[in-house]
């Protein structure tokens, strides 16, 4: 079982990025998929989650700027990030969760310059 995150990069404030996380090894259609991030010196925090039914939840700091979506047929979850800010700089991780069983991706770096 593996989660592969990609799409990170170095952008300027106000730019957009789209992160992709693809799962392999099993079907994750029934899992809650999510994105977390960890900035240097800070704890990992929730960014957004999406259930198998498509219900979404966001951290207050990204509401209105980030959109999470999933394609269960392709075992993929996306994070569209618009109007990026320097404080969004972090390593972004994807996670799959079901009944306490969780899988994590390796992380992708997002750096936003002012």
C-alpha atoms as a PDB file:
ATOM      1  CA  UNK A   1       0.000   0.000   0.000  1.00  0.00           C
ATOM      2  CA  UNK A   2       1.454   3.320  -1.050  1.00  0.00           C
ATOM      3  CA  UNK A   3       0.314   6.935  -1.272  1.00  0.00           C
ATOM      4  CA  UNK A   4       2.261   9.104  -3.692  1.00  0.00           C
ATOM      5  CA  UNK A   5       1.926  12.870  -3.382  1.00  0.00           C
ATOM      6  CA  UNK A   6       3.065  15.280  -6.078  1.00  0.00           C
ATOM      7  CA  UNK A   7       2.517  18.776  -7.387  1.00  0.00           C
ATOM      8  CA  UNK A   8       4.426  20.864  -4.897  1.00  0.00           C
ATOM      9  CA  UNK A   9       6.788  23.616  -5.922  1.00  0.00           C
ATOM     10  CA  UNK A  10       8.015  27.148  -5.400  1.00  0.00           C
ATOM     11  CA  UNK A  11       5.499  29.865  -6.251  1.00  0.00           C
ATOM     12  CA  UNK A  12       4.816  33.490  -5.462  1.00  0.00           C
ATOM     13  CA  UNK A  13       2.077  34.803  -3.231  1.00  0.00           C
ATOM     14  CA  UNK A  14      -1.218  34.816  -5.081  1.00  0.00           C
ATOM     15  CA  UNK A  15      -0.297  31.909  -7.332  1.00  0.00           C
ATOM     16  CA  UNK A  16      -2.020  28.541  -7.515  1.00  0.00           C
ATOM     17  CA  UNK A  17      -0.886  24.937  -7.217  1.00  0.00           C
ATOM     18  CA  UNK A  18      -2.665  21.620  -7.521  1.00  0.00           C
ATOM     19  CA  UNK A  19      -1.492  18.737  -5.390  1.00  0.00           C
ATOM     20  CA  UNK A  20      -2.243  15.162  -6.369  1.00  0.00           C
ATOM     21  CA  UNK A  21      -2.105  12.044  -4.233  1.00  0.00           C
ATOM     22  CA  UNK A  22      -2.486   8.661  -5.872  1.00  0.00           C
ATOM     23  CA  UNK A  23      -2.972   5.491  -3.870  1.00  0.00           C
ATOM     24  CA  UNK A  24      -1.924   2.056  -4.972  1.00  0.00           C
ATOM     25  CA  UNK A  25      -2.109  -1.399  -3.501  1.00  0.00           C
ATOM     26  CA  UNK A  26      -5.776  -1.349  -2.568  1.00  0.00           C
ATOM     27  CA  UNK A  27      -8.977   0.562  -3.175  1.00  0.00           C
ATOM     28  CA  UNK A  28      -9.419   3.680  -1.060  1.00  0.00           C
ATOM     29  CA  UNK A  29     -12.911   4.484  -2.263  1.00  0.00           C
ATOM     30  CA  UNK A  30     -14.365   3.904   1.226  1.00  0.00           C
ATOM     31  CA  UNK A  31     -11.647   5.840   3.042  1.00  0.00           C
ATOM     32  CA  UNK A  32     -11.667   9.404   4.275  1.00  0.00           C
ATOM     33  CA  UNK A  33      -8.908  11.128   2.305  1.00  0.00           C
ATOM     34  CA  UNK A  34      -7.183  14.212   3.522  1.00  0.00           C
ATOM     35  CA  UNK A  35      -4.338  16.647   3.222  1.00  0.00           C
ATOM     36  CA  UNK A  36      -2.205  17.763   6.136  1.00  0.00           C
ATOM     37  CA  UNK A  37       0.768  20.079   6.271  1.00  0.00           C
ATOM     38  CA  UNK A  38       3.744  20.676   8.483  1.00  0.00           C
ATOM     39  CA  UNK A  39       5.729  23.880   8.518  1.00  0.00           C
ATOM     40  CA  UNK A  40       9.253  24.041   9.970  1.00  0.00           C
ATOM     41  CA  UNK A  41       9.125  24.040  13.747  1.00  0.00           C
ATOM     42  CA  UNK A  42       5.386  23.441  13.837  1.00  0.00           C
ATOM     43  CA  UNK A  43       3.147  20.450  14.357  1.00  0.00           C
ATOM     44  CA  UNK A  44       1.405  18.740  11.494  1.00  0.00           C
ATOM     45  CA  UNK A  45      -2.043  20.244  10.949  1.00  0.00           C
ATOM     46  CA  UNK A  46      -5.155  19.316   9.081  1.00  0.00           C
ATOM     47  CA  UNK A  47      -5.747  21.193   5.842  1.00  0.00           C
ATOM     48  CA  UNK A  48      -8.777  19.452   4.326  1.00  0.00           C
ATOM     49  CA  UNK A  49     -10.608  16.138   4.279  1.00  0.00           C
ATOM     50  CA  UNK A  50     -13.148  14.492   2.024  1.00  0.00           C
ATOM     51  CA  UNK A  51     -15.309  11.487   2.819  1.00  0.00           C
ATOM     52  CA  UNK A  52     -16.316   8.714   0.459  1.00  0.00           C
ATOM     53  CA  UNK A  53     -19.645  10.528   0.079  1.00  0.00           C
ATOM     54  CA  UNK A  54     -17.894  13.714  -0.954  1.00  0.00           C
ATOM     55  CA  UNK A  55     -18.388  15.657   2.263  1.00  0.00           C
ATOM     56  CA  UNK A  56     -15.562  18.100   2.809  1.00  0.00           C
ATOM     57  CA  UNK A  57     -14.030  19.912   5.735  1.00  0.00           C
ATOM     58  CA  UNK A  58     -11.371  22.611   5.763  1.00  0.00           C
ATOM     59  CA  UNK A  59      -9.109  24.376   8.187  1.00  0.00           C
ATOM     60  CA  UNK A  60     -10.299  27.930   8.741  1.00  0.00           C
ATOM     61  CA  UNK A  61      -7.029  29.267   7.349  1.00  0.00           C
ATOM     62  CA  UNK A  62      -7.665  27.772   3.890  1.00  0.00           C
ATOM     63  CA  UNK A  63     -11.429  28.089   3.539  1.00  0.00           C
ATOM     64  CA  UNK A  64     -12.350  29.853   0.326  1.00  0.00           C
ATOM     65  CA  UNK A  65      -8.871  29.338  -1.143  1.00  0.00           C
ATOM     66  CA  UNK A  66      -8.327  25.573  -1.186  1.00  0.00           C
ATOM     67  CA  UNK A  67     -10.564  22.880  -2.645  1.00  0.00           C
ATOM     68  CA  UNK A  68     -10.244  19.162  -1.996  1.00  0.00           C
ATOM     69  CA  UNK A  69     -11.690  16.637  -4.417  1.00  0.00           C
ATOM     70  CA  UNK A  70     -11.348  12.965  -5.159  1.00  0.00           C
ATOM     71  CA  UNK A  71     -11.615  10.542  -8.014  1.00  0.00           C
ATOM     72  CA  UNK A  72     -12.395   7.211  -6.418  1.00  0.00           C
ATOM     73  CA  UNK A  73     -12.160   5.372  -9.715  1.00  0.00           C
ATOM     74  CA  UNK A  74      -8.510   6.359  -9.882  1.00  0.00           C
ATOM     75  CA  UNK A  75      -7.773   6.227  -6.132  1.00  0.00           C
ATOM     76  CA  UNK A  76      -6.753   9.870  -6.301  1.00  0.00           C
ATOM     77  CA  UNK A  77      -7.290  12.920  -4.134  1.00  0.00           C
ATOM     78  CA  UNK A  78      -6.529  16.471  -5.211  1.00  0.00           C
ATOM     79  CA  UNK A  79      -5.932  19.735  -3.415  1.00  0.00           C
ATOM     80  CA  UNK A  80      -6.438  22.839  -5.525  1.00  0.00           C
ATOM     81  CA  UNK A  81      -4.709  25.725  -3.788  1.00  0.00           C
ATOM     82  CA  UNK A  82      -5.472  29.253  -4.961  1.00  0.00           C
ATOM     83  CA  UNK A  83      -4.310  32.628  -3.727  1.00  0.00           C
ATOM     84  CA  UNK A  84      -1.380  31.056  -1.924  1.00  0.00           C
ATOM     85  CA  UNK A  85       0.202  32.923   0.947  1.00  0.00           C
ATOM     86  CA  UNK A  86       3.692  32.704   2.477  1.00  0.00           C
ATOM     87  CA  UNK A  87       2.136  31.110   5.562  1.00  0.00           C
ATOM     88  CA  UNK A  88       1.009  28.196   3.381  1.00  0.00           C
ATOM     89  CA  UNK A  89       4.653  27.169   3.053  1.00  0.00           C
ATOM     90  CA  UNK A  90       4.974  23.622   4.375  1.00  0.00           C
ATOM     91  CA  UNK A  91       5.406  19.999   3.477  1.00  0.00           C
ATOM     92  CA  UNK A  92       1.998  18.691   2.444  1.00  0.00           C
ATOM     93  CA  UNK A  93       1.023  15.109   3.208  1.00  0.00           C
ATOM     94  CA  UNK A  94      -1.924  13.065   2.061  1.00  0.00           C
ATOM     95  CA  UNK A  95      -3.619  10.551   4.314  1.00  0.00           C
ATOM     96  CA  UNK A  96      -6.172   7.792   3.911  1.00  0.00           C
ATOM     97  CA  UNK A  97      -8.195   6.853   6.992  1.00  0.00           C
ATOM     98  CA  UNK A  98     -10.790   4.190   7.749  1.00  0.00           C
ATOM     99  CA  UNK A  99     -11.801   2.841  11.160  1.00  0.00           C
ATOM    100  CA  UNK A 100      -8.546   3.980  12.723  1.00  0.00           C
ATOM    101  CA  UNK A 101      -6.373   2.455  10.030  1.00  0.00           C
ATOM    102  CA  UNK A 102      -4.379   5.132   8.298  1.00  0.00           C
ATOM    103  CA  UNK A 103      -1.875   5.438   5.495  1.00  0.00           C
ATOM    104  CA  UNK A 104       0.361   8.427   4.794  1.00  0.00           C
ATOM    105  CA  UNK A 105       2.073   9.689   1.685  1.00  0.00           C
ATOM    106  CA  UNK A 106       5.672  10.859   1.662  1.00  0.00           C
ATOM    107  CA  UNK A 107       4.958  14.592   1.455  1.00  0.00           C
ATOM    108  CA  UNK A 108       5.487  17.273  -1.149  1.00  0.00           C
ATOM    109  CA  UNK A 109       7.077  20.647  -0.457  1.00  0.00           C
ATOM    110  CA  UNK A 110       5.153  23.834  -1.129  1.00  0.00           C
ATOM    111  CA  UNK A 111       7.066  27.094  -0.824  1.00  0.00           C
ATOM    112  CA  UNK A 112       5.328  30.429  -1.256  1.00  0.00           C
ATOM    113  CA  UNK A 113       7.468  33.537  -1.535  1.00  0.00           C
ATOM    114  CA  UNK A 114       6.193  37.024  -0.794  1.00  0.00           C
END
